[in-house]
N, C-alpha and C. Protein backbone atom coordinates (compact mmCIF):
# COMPACT_ATOMS: atom_id res chain seq x y z
N MET A 1 30.17 12.43 5.85
CA MET A 1 29.43 13.21 4.89
C MET A 1 28.12 12.49 4.56
N ASN A 2 27.03 13.20 4.66
CA ASN A 2 25.72 12.62 4.43
C ASN A 2 25.14 13.19 3.13
N ILE A 3 24.93 12.32 2.16
CA ILE A 3 24.42 12.75 0.86
C ILE A 3 22.99 12.24 0.71
N ASP A 4 22.08 13.11 0.34
CA ASP A 4 20.70 12.73 0.07
C ASP A 4 20.61 12.37 -1.41
N ILE A 5 20.73 11.08 -1.69
CA ILE A 5 20.77 10.60 -3.08
C ILE A 5 19.47 10.96 -3.81
N ARG A 6 18.35 10.77 -3.14
CA ARG A 6 17.07 11.07 -3.78
C ARG A 6 17.02 12.53 -4.23
N LYS A 7 17.37 13.43 -3.33
CA LYS A 7 17.33 14.86 -3.65
C LYS A 7 18.32 15.19 -4.76
N SER A 8 19.49 14.62 -4.69
CA SER A 8 20.52 14.88 -5.70
C SER A 8 20.06 14.44 -7.08
N ILE A 9 19.49 13.23 -7.19
CA ILE A 9 19.02 12.73 -8.48
C ILE A 9 17.89 13.61 -9.00
N LYS A 10 16.93 13.92 -8.12
CA LYS A 10 15.81 14.77 -8.53
C LYS A 10 16.30 16.14 -8.99
N ASP A 11 17.24 16.72 -8.26
CA ASP A 11 17.78 18.03 -8.64
C ASP A 11 18.52 17.97 -9.97
N ASN A 12 19.29 16.89 -10.18
CA ASN A 12 20.06 16.75 -11.42
C ASN A 12 19.17 16.60 -12.65
N PHE A 13 17.98 16.06 -12.48
CA PHE A 13 17.11 15.82 -13.62
C PHE A 13 15.91 16.77 -13.68
N LYS A 14 15.88 17.74 -12.79
CA LYS A 14 14.78 18.71 -12.81
C LYS A 14 14.79 19.43 -14.16
N GLY A 15 13.67 19.38 -14.85
CA GLY A 15 13.56 20.03 -16.16
C GLY A 15 14.10 19.22 -17.32
N ALA A 16 14.57 17.99 -17.04
CA ALA A 16 15.12 17.15 -18.10
C ALA A 16 14.00 16.67 -19.03
N THR A 17 14.35 16.51 -20.28
CA THR A 17 13.40 15.99 -21.25
C THR A 17 13.34 14.46 -21.15
N ALA A 18 12.30 13.88 -21.75
CA ALA A 18 12.18 12.43 -21.77
C ALA A 18 13.40 11.80 -22.45
N ASP A 19 13.89 12.43 -23.52
CA ASP A 19 15.06 11.90 -24.22
C ASP A 19 16.30 11.92 -23.34
N GLU A 20 16.46 12.96 -22.56
CA GLU A 20 17.62 13.05 -21.65
C GLU A 20 17.54 12.00 -20.55
N ILE A 21 16.34 11.80 -20.01
CA ILE A 21 16.16 10.78 -18.97
C ILE A 21 16.42 9.40 -19.56
N LYS A 22 15.87 9.14 -20.74
CA LYS A 22 16.08 7.85 -21.40
C LYS A 22 17.57 7.61 -21.65
N ALA A 23 18.26 8.61 -22.15
CA ALA A 23 19.69 8.46 -22.43
C ALA A 23 20.46 8.11 -21.17
N SER A 24 20.10 8.73 -20.07
CA SER A 24 20.77 8.45 -18.81
C SER A 24 20.50 7.03 -18.34
N ILE A 25 19.25 6.59 -18.45
CA ILE A 25 18.89 5.23 -18.04
C ILE A 25 19.61 4.21 -18.92
N VAL A 26 19.55 4.40 -20.23
CA VAL A 26 20.18 3.46 -21.15
C VAL A 26 21.70 3.41 -20.92
N SER A 27 22.30 4.56 -20.75
CA SER A 27 23.73 4.62 -20.50
C SER A 27 24.10 3.89 -19.20
N SER A 28 23.32 4.11 -18.17
CA SER A 28 23.57 3.44 -16.89
C SER A 28 23.48 1.93 -17.01
N ILE A 29 22.46 1.47 -17.72
CA ILE A 29 22.28 0.03 -17.89
C ILE A 29 23.39 -0.55 -18.78
N ASP A 30 23.69 0.12 -19.88
CA ASP A 30 24.72 -0.36 -20.80
C ASP A 30 26.09 -0.44 -20.15
N GLU A 31 26.40 0.52 -19.29
CA GLU A 31 27.70 0.53 -18.62
C GLU A 31 27.79 -0.54 -17.55
N GLY A 32 26.64 -0.95 -17.00
CA GLY A 32 26.64 -1.98 -15.97
C GLY A 32 27.36 -1.56 -14.70
N ASP A 33 27.47 -0.27 -14.51
CA ASP A 33 28.20 0.27 -13.37
C ASP A 33 27.33 0.24 -12.12
N GLU A 34 27.80 -0.41 -11.07
CA GLU A 34 27.06 -0.51 -9.82
C GLU A 34 26.78 0.86 -9.20
N VAL A 35 27.60 1.83 -9.50
CA VAL A 35 27.43 3.17 -8.93
C VAL A 35 26.14 3.82 -9.41
N THR A 36 25.69 3.45 -10.61
CA THR A 36 24.49 4.08 -11.15
C THR A 36 23.19 3.44 -10.67
N LEU A 37 23.27 2.29 -10.01
CA LEU A 37 22.07 1.61 -9.55
C LEU A 37 21.21 2.45 -8.61
N PRO A 38 21.79 3.19 -7.68
CA PRO A 38 20.93 4.03 -6.82
C PRO A 38 20.12 5.05 -7.61
N GLY A 39 20.69 5.61 -8.66
CA GLY A 39 19.97 6.58 -9.48
C GLY A 39 18.78 5.95 -10.18
N ILE A 40 18.99 4.75 -10.71
CA ILE A 40 17.89 4.03 -11.35
C ILE A 40 16.84 3.67 -10.30
N GLY A 41 17.30 3.33 -9.11
CA GLY A 41 16.37 3.04 -8.03
C GLY A 41 15.52 4.24 -7.66
N VAL A 42 16.11 5.43 -7.70
CA VAL A 42 15.35 6.65 -7.42
C VAL A 42 14.32 6.87 -8.51
N PHE A 43 14.70 6.65 -9.76
CA PHE A 43 13.72 6.76 -10.86
C PHE A 43 12.57 5.79 -10.63
N PHE A 44 12.89 4.56 -10.24
CA PHE A 44 11.83 3.58 -10.00
C PHE A 44 10.94 4.01 -8.84
N GLU A 45 11.54 4.53 -7.80
CA GLU A 45 10.76 4.99 -6.65
C GLU A 45 9.80 6.11 -7.06
N ILE A 46 10.28 7.05 -7.86
CA ILE A 46 9.44 8.15 -8.34
C ILE A 46 8.29 7.58 -9.18
N LEU A 47 8.61 6.66 -10.07
CA LEU A 47 7.59 6.03 -10.90
C LEU A 47 6.57 5.31 -10.04
N TRP A 48 7.04 4.47 -9.14
CA TRP A 48 6.17 3.67 -8.28
C TRP A 48 5.22 4.57 -7.48
N ASN A 49 5.77 5.62 -6.90
CA ASN A 49 4.95 6.51 -6.07
C ASN A 49 3.91 7.30 -6.87
N SER A 50 4.12 7.40 -8.18
CA SER A 50 3.17 8.13 -9.01
C SER A 50 2.11 7.23 -9.64
N CYS A 51 2.25 5.92 -9.47
CA CYS A 51 1.34 4.96 -10.08
C CYS A 51 0.12 4.70 -9.20
N ASN A 52 -0.99 4.40 -9.88
CA ASN A 52 -2.16 3.93 -9.15
C ASN A 52 -2.02 2.42 -8.95
N ASP A 53 -2.97 1.81 -8.27
CA ASP A 53 -2.87 0.39 -7.96
C ASP A 53 -2.84 -0.49 -9.20
N ASP A 54 -3.60 -0.15 -10.23
CA ASP A 54 -3.58 -0.94 -11.47
C ASP A 54 -2.21 -0.87 -12.15
N GLU A 55 -1.61 0.29 -12.17
CA GLU A 55 -0.28 0.45 -12.78
C GLU A 55 0.77 -0.30 -11.97
N LYS A 56 0.65 -0.27 -10.65
CA LYS A 56 1.58 -1.02 -9.80
C LYS A 56 1.44 -2.52 -10.05
N ASP A 57 0.20 -2.99 -10.18
CA ASP A 57 -0.03 -4.40 -10.49
C ASP A 57 0.60 -4.77 -11.82
N PHE A 58 0.49 -3.89 -12.82
CA PHE A 58 1.10 -4.15 -14.12
C PHE A 58 2.62 -4.29 -13.98
N ILE A 59 3.24 -3.37 -13.26
CA ILE A 59 4.69 -3.42 -13.05
C ILE A 59 5.08 -4.71 -12.34
N LEU A 60 4.36 -5.05 -11.28
CA LEU A 60 4.68 -6.26 -10.52
C LEU A 60 4.51 -7.51 -11.36
N ASN A 61 3.43 -7.58 -12.14
CA ASN A 61 3.21 -8.75 -13.00
C ASN A 61 4.27 -8.85 -14.08
N LYS A 62 4.69 -7.72 -14.63
CA LYS A 62 5.75 -7.70 -15.64
C LYS A 62 7.05 -8.21 -15.04
N LEU A 63 7.40 -7.70 -13.87
CA LEU A 63 8.63 -8.15 -13.19
C LEU A 63 8.56 -9.63 -12.85
N GLU A 64 7.41 -10.06 -12.37
CA GLU A 64 7.25 -11.48 -12.03
C GLU A 64 7.46 -12.37 -13.25
N SER A 65 6.87 -11.98 -14.38
CA SER A 65 7.00 -12.80 -15.59
C SER A 65 8.44 -12.80 -16.11
N ILE A 66 9.13 -11.70 -15.98
CA ILE A 66 10.52 -11.62 -16.44
C ILE A 66 11.44 -12.45 -15.57
N LEU A 67 11.18 -12.45 -14.28
CA LEU A 67 12.07 -13.12 -13.32
C LEU A 67 11.81 -14.61 -13.16
N LYS A 68 10.84 -15.16 -13.88
CA LYS A 68 10.55 -16.61 -13.80
C LYS A 68 11.63 -17.40 -14.45
């Protein structure tokens, strides 16, 4: 069985409000469930692909400073 995770996540959140998306992200992180990591990864991919170079640099610098 071949599941398109990206499409599934996008379809599940189509029309979702910012509060609904936030609740899902917070819940996924709080639960610490490995199963939810792909969904968060899809959110990050969508975010990354919508950012310009300055925004990407901000994200990378933030991650770098956190991971030190």
